[in-house]
Amino acid sequence: MTSETKYDFQDGSGPVAAHQHPNGGGWVADTAAVADTAIVGIYAKVYGNAQVYGNAWVCDNALVSGDARVFGSAKVSGNAKVYGNAKVYGNAVVTTTILIANRSDGYTFSIFDEDDGTTRITAGCRFFTIPEAIEHWTKTRGDTKLGLESIAIVKYLEYMHSLEDMKEDGIH
């Protein structure tokens, strides 16, 4: 879709060609691909090369940008930010900021809390608690560059996640 309308997504690019999604009214950059079957709520924004397919929902103050893809029946809401090469699919529900880090070979790691309070690390199809993640990359990669880098990323994400928790608790 190409339009004369411009919108500033506050990402440093200034106003870019954009339109309001017909199913929800949220702003979508003309560079992004969003299916008509998807919902982009009035306060949500989709920009960059992001892709939103199927019956996916992007609601509340959520942002989807970069090369991120949201599809299936996935829901991105709250103040969630999905960006980079992130993929949210199936029946996934993203409601808060997800911290993401990429390994030197492009493998993407993320950290989040489940509804029961368990903190999880995802990387590719891997889905671990923090101790499980460290054990996995220690056993499978050992002292290789990718092994050491994977463990460093898990520890970095754990630390950054603890800072997010402190911010949510009002500790600055």
Protein backbone atom coordinates (compact mmCIF):
# COMPACT_ATOMS: atom_id res chain seq x y z
CA MET A 1 0.00 0.00 0.00
CA THR A 2 1.35 3.43 -0.88
CA SER A 3 -0.13 6.57 0.54
CA GLU A 4 0.44 10.29 0.78
CA THR A 5 -0.15 10.12 4.52
CA LYS A 6 2.91 10.26 6.76
CA TYR A 7 3.32 9.21 10.38
CA ASP A 8 6.25 9.58 12.80
CA PHE A 9 6.85 6.28 14.61
CA GLN A 10 9.34 8.02 16.94
CA ASP A 11 12.14 5.66 15.83
CA GLY A 12 14.47 8.38 14.57
CA SER A 13 13.38 8.08 10.93
CA GLY A 14 10.96 11.00 11.08
CA PRO A 15 7.59 10.93 9.32
CA VAL A 16 7.28 8.05 6.83
CA ALA A 17 4.56 6.95 4.42
CA ALA A 18 1.96 5.12 6.52
CA HIS A 19 -1.70 4.30 6.87
CA GLN A 20 -4.15 3.28 9.56
CA HIS A 21 -4.93 -0.44 9.49
CA PRO A 22 -8.52 -1.14 8.40
CA ASN A 23 -8.96 -3.71 11.18
CA GLY A 24 -8.31 -1.73 14.37
CA GLY A 25 -7.06 1.65 13.19
CA GLY A 26 -3.44 1.38 14.39
CA TRP A 27 -0.63 2.92 12.37
CA VAL A 28 1.25 0.77 9.85
CA ALA A 29 4.24 1.99 7.83
CA ASP A 30 3.91 1.33 4.12
CA THR A 31 7.18 -0.64 4.35
CA ALA A 32 5.55 -3.17 6.72
CA ALA A 33 3.29 -6.03 5.64
CA VAL A 34 0.11 -6.52 7.65
CA ALA A 35 -2.70 -8.85 6.59
CA ASP A 36 -6.22 -7.45 6.50
CA THR A 37 -7.22 -10.39 8.72
CA ALA A 38 -4.85 -9.22 11.47
CA ILE A 39 -5.85 -6.67 14.09
CA VAL A 40 -3.71 -3.59 14.75
CA GLY A 41 -5.35 -1.74 17.64
CA ILE A 42 -5.76 2.03 17.60
CA TYR A 43 -2.69 2.68 19.83
CA ALA A 44 -0.46 -0.04 18.31
CA LYS A 45 2.23 0.59 15.69
CA VAL A 46 3.81 -1.66 13.06
CA TYR A 47 6.75 -0.29 11.09
CA GLY A 48 10.12 -1.04 9.50
CA ASN A 49 10.00 -4.32 7.57
CA ALA A 50 7.78 -5.99 10.18
CA GLN A 51 5.24 -8.57 9.05
CA VAL A 52 1.95 -9.40 10.78
CA TYR A 53 -0.06 -12.28 9.30
CA GLY A 54 -3.09 -14.48 9.84
CA ASN A 55 -5.32 -13.67 12.79
CA ALA A 56 -2.50 -12.10 14.81
CA TRP A 57 -3.35 -9.22 17.14
CA VAL A 58 -1.16 -6.21 17.87
CA CYS A 59 -2.97 -4.18 20.52
CA ASP A 60 -2.67 -1.60 23.29
CA ASN A 61 0.65 0.31 23.07
CA ALA A 62 2.53 -2.56 21.41
CA LEU A 63 5.22 -1.90 18.81
CA VAL A 64 6.33 -4.34 16.10
CA SER A 65 9.31 -3.19 14.06
CA GLY A 66 12.52 -4.18 12.31
CA ASP A 67 12.25 -7.55 10.56
CA ALA A 68 9.96 -9.00 13.24
CA ARG A 69 7.14 -11.35 12.24
CA VAL A 70 3.91 -12.00 14.14
CA PHE A 71 1.58 -14.65 12.76
CA GLY A 72 -0.91 -17.40 13.52
CA SER A 73 -3.16 -16.53 16.45
CA ALA A 74 -0.38 -14.70 18.32
CA LYS A 75 -1.24 -11.63 20.37
CA VAL A 76 1.15 -8.75 21.11
CA SER A 77 -0.28 -6.28 23.60
CA GLY A 78 0.40 -4.11 26.62
CA ASN A 79 3.65 -2.18 26.22
CA ALA A 80 5.31 -5.04 24.35
CA LYS A 81 8.05 -4.34 21.85
CA VAL A 82 8.84 -6.99 19.23
CA TYR A 83 11.75 -6.13 16.95
CA GLY A 84 14.91 -7.34 15.26
CA ASN A 85 14.46 -10.80 13.76
CA ALA A 86 11.96 -11.89 16.42
CA LYS A 87 9.18 -14.30 15.48
CA VAL A 88 5.98 -14.56 17.52
CA TYR A 89 3.61 -17.29 16.35
CA GLY A 90 1.17 -20.04 17.23
CA ASN A 91 -0.88 -19.07 20.27
CA ALA A 92 1.92 -16.97 21.76
CA VAL A 93 0.95 -14.01 23.91
CA VAL A 94 3.47 -11.18 24.40
CA THR A 95 2.41 -8.54 26.92
CA THR A 96 5.60 -6.94 28.23
CA THR A 97 8.95 -5.86 26.89
CA ILE A 98 11.00 -8.85 25.77
CA LEU A 99 14.76 -8.51 25.96
CA ILE A 100 16.55 -9.93 22.93
CA ALA A 101 20.22 -10.54 22.08
CA ASN A 102 21.78 -11.99 18.93
CA ARG A 103 24.76 -14.33 18.90
CA SER A 104 27.52 -13.65 16.33
CA ASP A 105 26.04 -16.28 13.99
CA GLY A 106 22.64 -14.54 14.03
CA TYR A 107 20.98 -16.91 16.52
CA THR A 108 18.44 -14.88 18.53
CA PHE A 109 18.01 -15.29 22.30
CA SER A 110 15.18 -13.77 24.34
CA ILE A 111 14.08 -13.78 27.97
CA PHE A 112 10.60 -13.45 29.45
CA ASP A 113 8.47 -14.46 32.42
CA GLU A 114 5.69 -17.01 32.11
CA ASP A 115 2.35 -16.48 33.85
CA ASP A 116 3.52 -18.65 36.77
CA GLY A 117 6.59 -16.40 37.28
CA THR A 118 9.12 -18.78 35.74
CA THR A 119 11.80 -16.91 33.78
CA ARG A 120 12.53 -18.54 30.43
CA ILE A 121 15.19 -18.21 27.76
CA THR A 122 14.28 -18.96 24.16
CA ALA A 123 16.75 -19.40 21.35
CA GLY A 124 15.58 -20.86 18.06
CA CYS A 125 13.34 -23.76 19.05
CA ARG A 126 14.99 -24.01 22.50
CA PHE A 127 12.88 -23.17 25.58
CA PHE A 128 14.79 -23.25 28.89
CA THR A 129 14.93 -21.92 32.42
CA ILE A 130 18.18 -20.02 32.96
CA PRO A 131 19.96 -22.98 34.67
CA GLU A 132 18.77 -25.32 31.89
CA ALA A 133 20.07 -22.92 29.23
CA ILE A 134 23.52 -22.68 30.82
CA GLU A 135 23.65 -26.47 31.25
CA HIS A 136 22.58 -27.01 27.61
CA TRP A 137 25.20 -24.74 26.05
CA THR A 138 27.90 -25.99 28.42
CA LYS A 139 27.20 -29.61 27.40
CA THR A 140 26.61 -29.05 23.67
CA ARG A 141 29.14 -26.30 22.91
CA GLY A 142 31.61 -26.50 25.80
CA ASP A 143 34.47 -24.03 25.60
CA THR A 144 33.89 -23.19 21.94
CA LYS A 145 33.39 -19.59 20.88
CA LEU A 146 29.64 -20.15 20.34
CA GLY A 147 29.32 -21.99 23.64
CA LEU A 148 31.02 -19.25 25.65
CA GLU A 149 29.10 -16.58 23.73
CA SER A 150 25.77 -18.38 24.36
CA ILE A 151 26.41 -18.57 28.11
CA ALA A 152 27.48 -14.91 28.19
CA ILE A 153 24.25 -13.93 26.39
CA VAL A 154 22.11 -15.92 28.84
CA LYS A 155 23.84 -14.24 31.79
CA TYR A 156 23.52 -10.82 30.14
CA LEU A 157 19.80 -11.34 29.53
CA GLU A 158 19.34 -12.54 33.10
CA TYR A 159 21.05 -9.41 34.42
CA MET A 160 19.14 -7.03 32.14
CA HIS A 161 15.89 -8.80 33.07
CA SER A 162 16.63 -8.22 36.76
CA LEU A 163 17.05 -4.50 36.01
CA GLU A 164 13.65 -4.48 34.25
CA ASP A 165 12.13 -6.15 37.34
CA MET A 166 13.66 -3.48 39.59
CA LYS A 167 12.25 -0.75 37.34
CA GLU A 168 8.77 -2.34 37.54
CA ASP A 169 9.12 -2.45 41.34
CA GLY A 170 9.82 1.30 41.38
CA ILE A 171 13.55 0.91 42.07
CA HIS A 172 15.65 3.10 39.76
